[in-house]
Amino acid sequence: MDTRVRYAEIRPYTVPETLSELTGPVGGVIVLPTALDWTPKRSYDLSDDADRRMLYETVIREALHAEDLREFLSARILVDVWPRLWLPPRVRMGWDSRFPDLVRAAA
């Protein structure tokens, strides 16, 4: 029996108080700080669906502060991409439990 605990199962994830506080950009090219994205590709074009989803996955997984979520995420875009984001189960459950609108959007 494997009793190892995976980091994704214990690390803290940040969830905003409300979706309405997510007033980040809805267009343009976004360059994430290295605190959120330390990969060579840190710029994301919001007009490109794959880039938009990758940006949202990265910010949601890596944000340590609600301010990061507010700065880079838009509630409008989040509702649209939510069903297609690949996120660790704990992250998705945390957001889904706080925001039933995301669950309804995914249905």
PDB file of N, CA and C in Angstrom:
ATOM      1  N   MET A   1       0.834  -1.178   0.000  1.00  0.00           N
ATOM      2  CA  MET A   1       0.000   0.000   0.000  1.00  0.00           C
ATOM      3  C   MET A   1       0.886   1.251   0.000  1.00  0.00           C
ATOM      4  N   ASP A   2       0.595   2.162  -0.919  1.00  0.00           N
ATOM      5  CA  ASP A   2       1.365   3.395  -1.041  1.00  0.00           C
ATOM      6  C   ASP A   2       0.782   4.438  -0.093  1.00  0.00           C
ATOM      7  N   THR A   3       1.563   4.840   0.905  1.00  0.00           N
ATOM      8  CA  THR A   3       1.084   5.805   1.903  1.00  0.00           C
ATOM      9  C   THR A   3       1.694   7.190   1.708  1.00  0.00           C
ATOM     10  N   ARG A   4       2.403   7.390   0.602  1.00  0.00           N
ATOM     11  CA  ARG A   4       2.999   8.699   0.340  1.00  0.00           C
ATOM     12  C   ARG A   4       1.903   9.734   0.084  1.00  0.00           C
ATOM     13  N   VAL A   5       2.115  10.920   0.592  1.00  0.00           N
ATOM     14  CA  VAL A   5       1.186  12.019   0.373  1.00  0.00           C
ATOM     15  C   VAL A   5       1.755  12.885  -0.742  1.00  0.00           C
ATOM     16  N   ARG A   6       0.945  13.168  -1.727  1.00  0.00           N
ATOM     17  CA  ARG A   6       1.376  14.028  -2.833  1.00  0.00           C
ATOM     18  C   ARG A   6       1.245  15.491  -2.414  1.00  0.00           C
ATOM     19  N   TYR A   7       2.175  16.291  -2.904  1.00  0.00           N
ATOM     20  CA  TYR A   7       2.194  17.712  -2.573  1.00  0.00           C
ATOM     21  C   TYR A   7       0.861  18.386  -2.911  1.00  0.00           C
ATOM     22  N   ALA A   8       0.284  18.050  -4.071  1.00  0.00           N
ATOM     23  CA  ALA A   8      -0.987  18.660  -4.492  1.00  0.00           C
ATOM     24  C   ALA A   8      -2.125  18.363  -3.527  1.00  0.00           C
ATOM     25  N   GLU A   9      -1.983  17.303  -2.732  1.00  0.00           N
ATOM     26  CA  GLU A   9      -3.040  16.927  -1.790  1.00  0.00           C
ATOM     27  C   GLU A   9      -2.970  17.713  -0.476  1.00  0.00           C
ATOM     28  N   ILE A  10      -1.838  18.363  -0.207  1.00  0.00           N
ATOM     29  CA  ILE A  10      -1.702  19.066   1.076  1.00  0.00           C
ATOM     30  C   ILE A  10      -1.401  20.554   0.937  1.00  0.00           C
ATOM     31  N   ARG A  11      -0.966  20.985  -0.235  1.00  0.00           N
ATOM     32  CA  ARG A  11      -0.592  22.395  -0.392  1.00  0.00           C
ATOM     33  C   ARG A  11      -1.825  23.267  -0.284  1.00  0.00           C
ATOM     34  N   PRO A  12      -1.676  24.463   0.242  1.00  0.00           N
ATOM     35  CA  PRO A  12      -2.829  25.377   0.313  1.00  0.00           C
ATOM     36  C   PRO A  12      -3.105  25.985  -1.062  1.00  0.00           C
ATOM     37  N   TYR A  13      -4.368  26.130  -1.373  1.00  0.00           N
ATOM     38  CA  TYR A  13      -4.792  26.795  -2.603  1.00  0.00           C
ATOM     39  C   TYR A  13      -5.634  28.000  -2.219  1.00  0.00           C
ATOM     40  N   THR A  14      -5.496  29.072  -2.969  1.00  0.00           N
ATOM     41  CA  THR A  14      -6.219  30.299  -2.696  1.00  0.00           C
ATOM     42  C   THR A  14      -7.507  30.331  -3.502  1.00  0.00           C
ATOM     43  N   VAL A  15      -8.598  30.679  -2.840  1.00  0.00           N
ATOM     44  CA  VAL A  15      -9.902  30.828  -3.484  1.00  0.00           C
ATOM     45  C   VAL A  15     -10.428  32.207  -3.085  1.00  0.00           C
ATOM     46  N   PRO A  16     -10.923  32.990  -4.047  1.00  0.00           N
ATOM     47  CA  PRO A  16     -11.417  34.317  -3.685  1.00  0.00           C
ATOM     48  C   PRO A  16     -12.722  34.225  -2.895  1.00  0.00           C
ATOM     49  N   GLU A  17     -13.086  35.303  -2.242  1.00  0.00           N
ATOM     50  CA  GLU A  17     -14.352  35.345  -1.504  1.00  0.00           C
ATOM     51  C   GLU A  17     -15.538  35.339  -2.463  1.00  0.00           C
ATOM     52  N   THR A  18     -15.412  36.095  -3.571  1.00  0.00           N
ATOM     53  CA  THR A  18     -16.504  36.197  -4.546  1.00  0.00           C
ATOM     54  C   THR A  18     -15.929  36.148  -5.955  1.00  0.00           C
ATOM     55  N   LEU A  19     -16.746  35.728  -6.904  1.00  0.00           N
ATOM     56  CA  LEU A  19     -16.319  35.780  -8.304  1.00  0.00           C
ATOM     57  C   LEU A  19     -16.253  37.217  -8.796  1.00  0.00           C
ATOM     58  N   SER A  20     -17.114  38.077  -8.264  1.00  0.00           N
ATOM     59  CA  SER A  20     -17.174  39.457  -8.753  1.00  0.00           C
ATOM     60  C   SER A  20     -15.875  40.232  -8.495  1.00  0.00           C
ATOM     61  N   GLU A  21     -15.051  39.767  -7.576  1.00  0.00           N
ATOM     62  CA  GLU A  21     -13.784  40.460  -7.335  1.00  0.00           C
ATOM     63  C   GLU A  21     -12.732  40.134  -8.392  1.00  0.00           C
ATOM     64  N   LEU A  22     -13.010  39.161  -9.251  1.00  0.00           N
ATOM     65  CA  LEU A  22     -12.069  38.790 -10.309  1.00  0.00           C
ATOM     66  C   LEU A  22     -12.297  39.726 -11.497  1.00  0.00           C
ATOM     67  N   THR A  23     -11.557  40.811 -11.514  1.00  0.00           N
ATOM     68  CA  THR A  23     -11.750  41.855 -12.519  1.00  0.00           C
ATOM     69  C   THR A  23     -10.500  42.049 -13.367  1.00  0.00           C
ATOM     70  N   GLY A  24      -9.783  40.966 -13.580  1.00  0.00           N
ATOM     71  CA  GLY A  24      -8.563  41.032 -14.373  1.00  0.00           C
ATOM     72  C   GLY A  24      -8.848  41.281 -15.840  1.00  0.00           C
ATOM     73  N   PRO A  25      -7.812  41.312 -16.641  1.00  0.00           N
ATOM     74  CA  PRO A  25      -7.949  41.648 -18.059  1.00  0.00           C
ATOM     75  C   PRO A  25      -8.808  40.638 -18.828  1.00  0.00           C
ATOM     76  N   VAL A  26      -9.468  41.128 -19.872  1.00  0.00           N
ATOM     77  CA  VAL A  26     -10.278  40.266 -20.740  1.00  0.00           C
ATOM     78  C   VAL A  26      -9.709  40.231 -22.153  1.00  0.00           C
ATOM     79  N   GLY A  27      -8.627  40.927 -22.389  1.00  0.00           N
ATOM     80  CA  GLY A  27      -7.992  40.926 -23.696  1.00  0.00           C
ATOM     81  C   GLY A  27      -6.525  41.271 -23.578  1.00  0.00           C
ATOM     82  N   GLY A  28      -5.821  41.069 -24.667  1.00  0.00           N
ATOM     83  CA  GLY A  28      -4.407  41.412 -24.712  1.00  0.00           C
ATOM     84  C   GLY A  28      -3.505  40.248 -24.352  1.00  0.00           C
ATOM     85  N   VAL A  29      -2.246  40.564 -24.210  1.00  0.00           N
ATOM     86  CA  VAL A  29      -1.224  39.580 -23.839  1.00  0.00           C
ATOM     87  C   VAL A  29      -0.848  39.830 -22.386  1.00  0.00           C
ATOM     88  N   ILE A  30      -0.896  38.780 -21.591  1.00  0.00           N
ATOM     89  CA  ILE A  30      -0.601  38.871 -20.166  1.00  0.00           C
ATOM     90  C   ILE A  30       0.741  38.183 -19.913  1.00  0.00           C
ATOM     91  N   VAL A  31       1.616  38.856 -19.202  1.00  0.00           N
ATOM     92  CA  VAL A  31       2.897  38.272 -18.797  1.00  0.00           C
ATOM     93  C   VAL A  31       2.835  38.056 -17.295  1.00  0.00           C
ATOM     94  N   LEU A  32       2.928  36.793 -16.893  1.00  0.00           N
ATOM     95  CA  LEU A  32       2.866  36.462 -15.474  1.00  0.00           C
ATOM     96  C   LEU A  32       4.214  36.671 -14.805  1.00  0.00           C
ATOM     97  N   PRO A  33       4.209  37.096 -13.560  1.00  0.00           N
ATOM     98  CA  PRO A  33       5.472  37.209 -12.808  1.00  0.00           C
ATOM     99  C   PRO A  33       6.035  35.810 -12.535  1.00  0.00           C
ATOM    100  N   THR A  34       7.324  35.740 -12.315  1.00  0.00           N
ATOM    101  CA  THR A  34       7.945  34.433 -12.073  1.00  0.00           C
ATOM    102  C   THR A  34       7.424  33.771 -10.796  1.00  0.00           C
ATOM    103  N   ALA A  35       6.860  34.518  -9.889  1.00  0.00           N
ATOM    104  CA  ALA A  35       6.280  33.913  -8.688  1.00  0.00           C
ATOM    105  C   ALA A  35       5.096  33.016  -9.042  1.00  0.00           C
ATOM    106  N   LEU A  36       4.441  33.287 -10.163  1.00  0.00           N
ATOM    107  CA  LEU A  36       3.313  32.465 -10.599  1.00  0.00           C
ATOM    108  C   LEU A  36       3.692  31.490 -11.707  1.00  0.00           C
ATOM    109  N   ASP A  37       4.632  31.880 -12.540  1.00  0.00           N
ATOM    110  CA  ASP A  37       5.000  31.037 -13.686  1.00  0.00           C
ATOM    111  C   ASP A  37       6.492  31.170 -13.940  1.00  0.00           C
ATOM    112  N   TRP A  38       7.220  30.142 -13.644  1.00  0.00           N
ATOM    113  CA  TRP A  38       8.673  30.168 -13.792  1.00  0.00           C
ATOM    114  C   TRP A  38       9.118  29.435 -15.049  1.00  0.00           C
ATOM    115  N   THR A  39       8.176  29.144 -15.949  1.00  0.00           N
ATOM    116  CA  THR A  39       8.511  28.478 -17.211  1.00  0.00           C
ATOM    117  C   THR A  39       8.987  29.507 -18.231  1.00  0.00           C
ATOM    118  N   PRO A  40       9.621  29.053 -19.304  1.00  0.00           N
ATOM    119  CA  PRO A  40      10.048  29.999 -20.346  1.00  0.00           C
ATOM    120  C   PRO A  40       8.871  30.731 -21.000  1.00  0.00           C
ATOM    121  N   LYS A  41       7.703  30.080 -21.046  1.00  0.00           N
ATOM    122  CA  LYS A  41       6.513  30.726 -21.629  1.00  0.00           C
ATOM    123  C   LYS A  41       5.721  31.370 -20.502  1.00  0.00           C
ATOM    124  N   ARG A  42       5.922  32.642 -20.287  1.00  0.00           N
ATOM    125  CA  ARG A  42       5.194  33.349 -19.224  1.00  0.00           C
ATOM    126  C   ARG A  42       4.213  34.349 -19.791  1.00  0.00           C
ATOM    127  N   SER A  43       4.117  34.431 -21.127  1.00  0.00           N
ATOM    128  CA  SER A  43       3.173  35.367 -21.729  1.00  0.00           C
ATOM    129  C   SER A  43       2.050  34.579 -22.399  1.00  0.00           C
ATOM    130  N   TYR A  44       0.833  35.104 -22.236  1.00  0.00           N
ATOM    131  CA  TYR A  44      -0.367  34.414 -22.702  1.00  0.00           C
ATOM    132  C   TYR A  44      -1.260  35.398 -23.436  1.00  0.00           C
ATOM    133  N   ASP A  45      -1.681  35.006 -24.627  1.00  0.00           N
ATOM    134  CA  ASP A  45      -2.555  35.825 -25.448  1.00  0.00           C
ATOM    135  C   ASP A  45      -4.001  35.435 -25.143  1.00  0.00           C
ATOM    136  N   LEU A  46      -4.758  36.335 -24.558  1.00  0.00           N
ATOM    137  CA  LEU A  46      -6.127  36.012 -24.164  1.00  0.00           C
ATOM    138  C   LEU A  46      -7.061  35.782 -25.342  1.00  0.00           C
ATOM    139  N   SER A  47      -6.641  36.136 -26.563  1.00  0.00           N
ATOM    140  CA  SER A  47      -7.474  35.859 -27.730  1.00  0.00           C
ATOM    141  C   SER A  47      -7.300  34.416 -28.207  1.00  0.00           C
ATOM    142  N   ASP A  48      -6.307  33.713 -27.679  1.00  0.00           N
ATOM    143  CA  ASP A  48      -6.038  32.318 -28.044  1.00  0.00           C
ATOM    144  C   ASP A  48      -6.604  31.402 -26.961  1.00  0.00           C
ATOM    145  N   ASP A  49      -7.524  30.514 -27.341  1.00  0.00           N
ATOM    146  CA  ASP A  49      -8.202  29.675 -26.342  1.00  0.00           C
ATOM    147  C   ASP A  49      -7.227  28.837 -25.514  1.00  0.00           C
ATOM    148  N   ALA A  50      -6.238  28.222 -26.150  1.00  0.00           N
ATOM    149  CA  ALA A  50      -5.283  27.391 -25.404  1.00  0.00           C
ATOM    150  C   ALA A  50      -4.478  28.244 -24.421  1.00  0.00           C
ATOM    151  N   ASP A  51      -4.025  29.409 -24.863  1.00  0.00           N
ATOM    152  CA  ASP A  51      -3.290  30.320 -23.971  1.00  0.00           C
ATOM    153  C   ASP A  51      -4.168  30.763 -22.803  1.00  0.00           C
ATOM    154  N   ARG A  52      -5.417  31.111 -23.102  1.00  0.00           N
ATOM    155  CA  ARG A  52      -6.344  31.581 -22.063  1.00  0.00           C
ATOM    156  C   ARG A  52      -6.533  30.494 -21.000  1.00  0.00           C
ATOM    157  N   ARG A  53      -6.765  29.262 -21.436  1.00  0.00           N
ATOM    158  CA  ARG A  53      -6.944  28.164 -20.476  1.00  0.00           C
ATOM    159  C   ARG A  53      -5.670  27.910 -19.683  1.00  0.00           C
ATOM    160  N   MET A  54      -4.520  27.938 -20.343  1.00  0.00           N
ATOM    161  CA  MET A  54      -3.246  27.694 -19.643  1.00  0.00           C
ATOM    162  C   MET A  54      -2.980  28.776 -18.607  1.00  0.00           C
ATOM    163  N   LEU A  55      -3.257  30.032 -18.956  1.00  0.00           N
ATOM    164  CA  LEU A  55      -3.097  31.136 -18.009  1.00  0.00           C
ATOM    165  C   LEU A  55      -3.974  30.906 -16.782  1.00  0.00           C
ATOM    166  N   TYR A  56      -5.242  30.583 -16.991  1.00  0.00           N
ATOM    167  CA  TYR A  56      -6.161  30.393 -15.874  1.00  0.00           C
ATOM    168  C   TYR A  56      -5.766  29.192 -15.018  1.00  0.00           C
ATOM    169  N   GLU A  57      -5.375  28.106 -15.639  1.00  0.00           N
ATOM    170  CA  GLU A  57      -4.910  26.948 -14.873  1.00  0.00           C
ATOM    171  C   GLU A  57      -3.709  27.310 -14.021  1.00  0.00           C
ATOM    172  N   THR A  58      -2.754  28.012 -14.607  1.00  0.00           N
ATOM    173  CA  THR A  58      -1.530  28.379 -13.895  1.00  0.00           C
ATOM    174  C   THR A  58      -1.825  29.302 -12.723  1.00  0.00           C
ATOM    175  N   VAL A  59      -2.589  30.349 -12.961  1.00  0.00           N
ATOM    176  CA  VAL A  59      -2.878  31.311 -11.892  1.00  0.00           C
ATOM    177  C   VAL A  59      -3.674  30.645 -10.774  1.00  0.00           C
ATOM    178  N   ILE A  60      -4.672  29.854 -11.119  1.00  0.00           N
ATOM    179  CA  ILE A  60      -5.496  29.202 -10.095  1.00  0.00           C
ATOM    180  C   ILE A  60      -4.664  28.231  -9.265  1.00  0.00           C
ATOM    181  N   ARG A  61      -3.772  27.498  -9.899  1.00  0.00           N
ATOM    182  CA  ARG A  61      -2.934  26.540  -9.167  1.00  0.00           C
ATOM    183  C   ARG A  61      -1.857  27.215  -8.337  1.00  0.00           C
ATOM    184  N   GLU A  62      -1.276  28.297  -8.827  1.00  0.00           N
ATOM    185  CA  GLU A  62      -0.071  28.852  -8.210  1.00  0.00           C
ATOM    186  C   GLU A  62      -0.288  30.076  -7.329  1.00  0.00           C
ATOM    187  N   ALA A  63      -1.425  30.725  -7.409  1.00  0.00           N
ATOM    188  CA  ALA A  63      -1.653  31.949  -6.631  1.00  0.00           C
ATOM    189  C   ALA A  63      -1.604  31.660  -5.132  1.00  0.00           C
ATOM    190  N   LEU A  64      -0.813  32.424  -4.437  1.00  0.00           N
ATOM    191  CA  LEU A  64      -0.740  32.308  -2.981  1.00  0.00           C
ATOM    192  C   LEU A  64      -1.600  33.356  -2.288  1.00  0.00           C
ATOM    193  N   HIS A  65      -1.990  34.381  -3.029  1.00  0.00           N
ATOM    194  CA  HIS A  65      -2.763  35.488  -2.464  1.00  0.00           C
ATOM    195  C   HIS A  65      -3.944  35.789  -3.369  1.00  0.00           C
ATOM    196  N   ALA A  66      -5.052  36.200  -2.778  1.00  0.00           N
ATOM    197  CA  ALA A  66      -6.241  36.559  -3.554  1.00  0.00           C
ATOM    198  C   ALA A  66      -5.931  37.701  -4.523  1.00  0.00           C
ATOM    199  N   GLU A  67      -4.995  38.548  -4.173  1.00  0.00           N
ATOM    200  CA  GLU A  67      -4.633  39.650  -5.063  1.00  0.00           C
ATOM    201  C   GLU A  67      -4.142  39.134  -6.418  1.00  0.00           C
ATOM    202  N   ASP A  68      -3.414  38.026  -6.424  1.00  0.00           N
ATOM    203  CA  ASP A  68      -2.973  37.429  -7.693  1.00  0.00           C
ATOM    204  C   ASP A  68      -4.176  37.021  -8.534  1.00  0.00           C
ATOM    205  N   LEU A  69      -5.178  36.444  -7.896  1.00  0.00           N
ATOM    206  CA  LEU A  69      -6.388  36.038  -8.611  1.00  0.00           C
ATOM    207  C   LEU A  69      -7.110  37.254  -9.175  1.00  0.00           C
ATOM    208  N   ARG A  70      -7.237  38.296  -8.366  1.00  0.00           N
ATOM    209  CA  ARG A  70      -7.927  39.520  -8.800  1.00  0.00           C
ATOM    210  C   ARG A  70      -7.198  40.204  -9.953  1.00  0.00           C
ATOM    211  N   GLU A  71      -5.882  40.167  -9.923  1.00  0.00           N
ATOM    212  CA  GLU A  71      -5.095  40.865 -10.941  1.00  0.00           C
ATOM    213  C   GLU A  71      -5.125  40.177 -12.302  1.00  0.00           C
ATOM    214  N   PHE A  72      -5.163  38.856 -12.313  1.00  0.00           N
ATOM    215  CA  PHE A  72      -5.003  38.134 -13.579  1.00  0.00           C
ATOM    216  C   PHE A  72      -6.249  37.413 -14.081  1.00  0.00           C
ATOM    217  N   LEU A  73      -7.268  37.252 -13.265  1.00  0.00           N
ATOM    218  CA  LEU A  73      -8.454  36.507 -13.678  1.00  0.00           C
ATOM    219  C   LEU A  73      -9.665  37.417 -13.818  1.00  0.00           C
ATOM    220  N   SER A  74     -10.490  37.101 -14.788  1.00  0.00           N
ATOM    221  CA  SER A  74     -11.767  37.787 -15.000  1.00  0.00           C
ATOM    222  C   SER A  74     -12.881  36.765 -14.756  1.00  0.00           C
ATOM    223  N   ALA A  75     -13.870  37.137 -13.965  1.00  0.00           N
ATOM    224  CA  ALA A  75     -14.988  36.228 -13.682  1.00  0.00           C
ATOM    225  C   ALA A  75     -15.674  35.805 -14.974  1.00  0.00           C
ATOM    226  N   ARG A  76     -15.828  36.726 -15.891  1.00  0.00           N
ATOM    227  CA  ARG A  76     -16.501  36.415 -17.165  1.00  0.00           C
ATOM    228  C   ARG A  76     -15.764  35.323 -17.935  1.00  0.00           C
ATOM    229  N   ILE A  77     -14.465  35.453 -18.041  1.00  0.00           N
ATOM    230  CA  ILE A  77     -13.681  34.437 -18.744  1.00  0.00           C
ATOM    231  C   ILE A  77     -13.658  33.140 -17.943  1.00  0.00           C
ATOM    232  N   LEU A  78     -13.533  33.250 -16.631  1.00  0.00           N
ATOM    233  CA  LEU A  78     -13.474  32.057 -15.793  1.00  0.00           C
ATOM    234  C   LEU A  78     -14.701  31.171 -15.988  1.00  0.00           C
ATOM    235  N   VAL A  79     -15.878  31.766 -15.985  1.00  0.00           N
ATOM    236  CA  VAL A  79     -17.109  30.984 -16.171  1.00  0.00           C
ATOM    237  C   VAL A  79     -17.081  30.271 -17.522  1.00  0.00           C
ATOM    238  N   ASP A  80     -16.560  30.940 -18.537  1.00  0.00           N
ATOM    239  CA  ASP A  80     -16.496  30.352 -19.875  1.00  0.00           C
ATOM    240  C   ASP A  80     -15.519  29.185 -19.959  1.00  0.00           C
ATOM    241  N   VAL A  81     -14.331  29.328 -19.348  1.00  0.00           N
ATOM    242  CA  VAL A  81     -13.303  28.292 -19.496  1.00  0.00           C
ATOM    243  C   VAL A  81     -13.356  27.209 -18.418  1.00  0.00           C
ATOM    244  N   TRP A  82     -14.084  27.454 -17.340  1.00  0.00           N
ATOM    245  CA  TRP A  82     -14.079  26.541 -16.190  1.00  0.00           C
ATOM    246  C   TRP A  82     -14.273  25.074 -16.572  1.00  0.00           C
ATOM    247  N   PRO A  83     -15.243  24.728 -17.407  1.00  0.00           N
ATOM    248  CA  PRO A  83     -15.452  23.308 -17.712  1.00  0.00           C
ATOM    249  C   PRO A  83     -14.271  22.660 -18.439  1.00  0.00           C
ATOM    250  N   ARG A  84     -13.412  23.467 -19.054  1.00  0.00           N
ATOM    251  CA  ARG A  84     -12.312  22.924 -19.854  1.00  0.00           C
ATOM    252  C   ARG A  84     -10.945  23.048 -19.185  1.00  0.00           C
ATOM    253  N   LEU A  85     -10.909  23.494 -17.939  1.00  0.00           N
ATOM    254  CA  LEU A  85      -9.633  23.635 -17.232  1.00  0.00           C
ATOM    255  C   LEU A  85      -9.215  22.297 -16.627  1.00  0.00           C
ATOM    256  N   TRP A  86      -7.913  22.023 -16.707  1.00  0.00           N
ATOM    257  CA  TRP A  86      -7.362  20.862 -16.016  1.00  0.00           C
ATOM    258  C   TRP A  86      -6.792  21.376 -14.704  1.00  0.00           C
ATOM    259  N   LEU A  87      -7.407  20.925 -13.611  1.00  0.00           N
ATOM    260  CA  LEU A  87      -6.991  21.368 -12.276  1.00  0.00           C
ATOM    261  C   LEU A  87      -6.917  20.175 -11.339  1.00  0.00           C
ATOM    262  N   PRO A  88      -6.041  20.232 -10.349  1.00  0.00           N
ATOM    263  CA  PRO A  88      -6.021  19.169  -9.337  1.00  0.00           C
ATOM    264  C   PRO A  88      -7.412  19.050  -8.685  1.00  0.00           C
ATOM    265  N   PRO A  89      -7.820  17.842  -8.337  1.00  0.00           N
ATOM    266  CA  PRO A  89      -9.159  17.643  -7.753  1.00  0.00           C
ATOM    267  C   PRO A  89      -9.454  18.549  -6.555  1.00  0.00           C
ATOM    268  N   ARG A  90      -8.484  18.743  -5.649  1.00  0.00           N
ATOM    269  CA  ARG A  90      -8.719  19.609  -4.479  1.00  0.00           C
ATOM    270  C   ARG A  90      -9.004  21.046  -4.882  1.00  0.00           C
ATOM    271  N   VAL A  91      -8.341  21.514  -5.923  1.00  0.00           N
ATOM    272  CA  VAL A  91      -8.559  22.879  -6.389  1.00  0.00           C
ATOM    273  C   VAL A  91      -9.973  23.001  -6.936  1.00  0.00           C
ATOM    274  N   ARG A  92     -10.338  22.086  -7.824  1.00  0.00           N
ATOM    275  CA  ARG A  92     -11.675  22.146  -8.429  1.00  0.00           C
ATOM    276  C   ARG A  92     -12.750  22.041  -7.347  1.00  0.00           C
ATOM    277  N   MET A  93     -12.587  21.153  -6.394  1.00  0.00           N
ATOM    278  CA  MET A  93     -13.584  21.005  -5.329  1.00  0.00           C
ATOM    279  C   MET A  93     -13.693  22.283  -4.497  1.00  0.00           C
ATOM    280  N   GLY A  94     -12.568  22.911  -4.212  1.00  0.00           N
ATOM    281  CA  GLY A  94     -12.585  24.140  -3.421  1.00  0.00           C
ATOM    282  C   GLY A  94     -13.333  25.259  -4.127  1.00  0.00           C
ATOM    283  N   TRP A  95     -13.090  25.422  -5.409  1.00  0.00           N
ATOM    284  CA  TRP A  95     -13.776  26.461  -6.181  1.00  0.00           C
ATOM    285  C   TRP A  95     -15.242  26.082  -6.394  1.00  0.00           C
ATOM    286  N   ASP A  96     -15.505  24.834  -6.750  1.00  0.00           N
ATOM    287  CA  ASP A  96     -16.890  24.395  -6.983  1.00  0.00           C
ATOM    288  C   ASP A  96     -17.746  24.550  -5.730  1.00  0.00           C
ATOM    289  N   SER A  97     -17.174  24.235  -4.557  1.00  0.00           N
ATOM    290  CA  SER A  97     -17.966  24.316  -3.328  1.00  0.00           C
ATOM    291  C   SER A  97     -18.283  25.767  -2.961  1.00  0.00           C
ATOM    292  N   ARG A  98     -17.405  26.687  -3.323  1.00  0.00           N
ATOM    293  CA  ARG A  98     -17.653  28.091  -3.018  1.00  0.00           C
ATOM    294  C   ARG A  98     -18.514  28.772  -4.081  1.00  0.00           C
ATOM    295  N   PHE A  99     -18.431  28.300  -5.338  1.00  0.00           N
ATOM    296  CA  PHE A  99     -19.103  28.978  -6.446  1.00  0.00           C
ATOM    297  C   PHE A  99     -19.972  28.009  -7.251  1.00  0.00           C
ATOM    298  N   PRO A 100     -21.186  27.788  -6.820  1.00  0.00           N
ATOM    299  CA  PRO A 100     -22.098  26.893  -7.562  1.00  0.00           C
ATOM    300  C   PRO A 100     -22.317  27.344  -9.010  1.00  0.00           C
ATOM    301  N   ASP A 101     -22.134  28.642  -9.287  1.00  0.00           N
ATOM    302  CA  ASP A 101     -22.287  29.122 -10.676  1.00  0.00           C
ATOM    303  C   ASP A 101     -21.287  28.443 -11.601  1.00  0.00           C
ATOM    304  N   LEU A 102     -20.107  28.133 -11.104  1.00  0.00           N
ATOM    305  CA  LEU A 102     -19.122  27.432 -11.931  1.00  0.00           C
ATOM    306  C   LEU A 102     -19.584  26.013 -12.230  1.00  0.00           C
ATOM    307  N   VAL A 103     -20.170  25.369 -11.254  1.00  0.00           N
ATOM    308  CA  VAL A 103     -20.679  24.009 -11.445  1.00  0.00           C
ATOM    309  C   VAL A 103     -21.797  24.030 -12.483  1.00  0.00           C
ATOM    310  N   ARG A 104     -22.703  24.994 -12.363  1.00  0.00           N
ATOM    311  CA  ARG A 104     -23.807  25.101 -13.332  1.00  0.00           C
ATOM    312  C   ARG A 104     -23.276  25.389 -14.724  1.00  0.00           C
ATOM    313  N   ALA A 105     -22.247  26.221 -14.830  1.00  0.00           N
ATOM    314  CA  ALA A 105     -21.677  26.547 -16.141  1.00  0.00           C
ATOM    315  C   ALA A 105     -21.059  25.313 -16.777  1.00  0.00           C
ATOM    316  N   ALA A 106     -20.515  24.428 -15.954  1.00  0.00           N
ATOM    317  CA  ALA A 106     -19.874  23.223 -16.464  1.00  0.00           C
ATOM    318  C   ALA A 106     -20.878  22.149 -16.860  1.00  0.00           C
ATOM    319  N   ALA A 107     -22.104  22.272 -16.362  1.00  0.00           N
ATOM    320  CA  ALA A 107     -23.116  21.232 -16.636  1.00  0.00           C
ATOM    321  C   ALA A 107     -23.676  21.316 -18.043  1.00  0.00           C
TER     322      ALA A 107
END
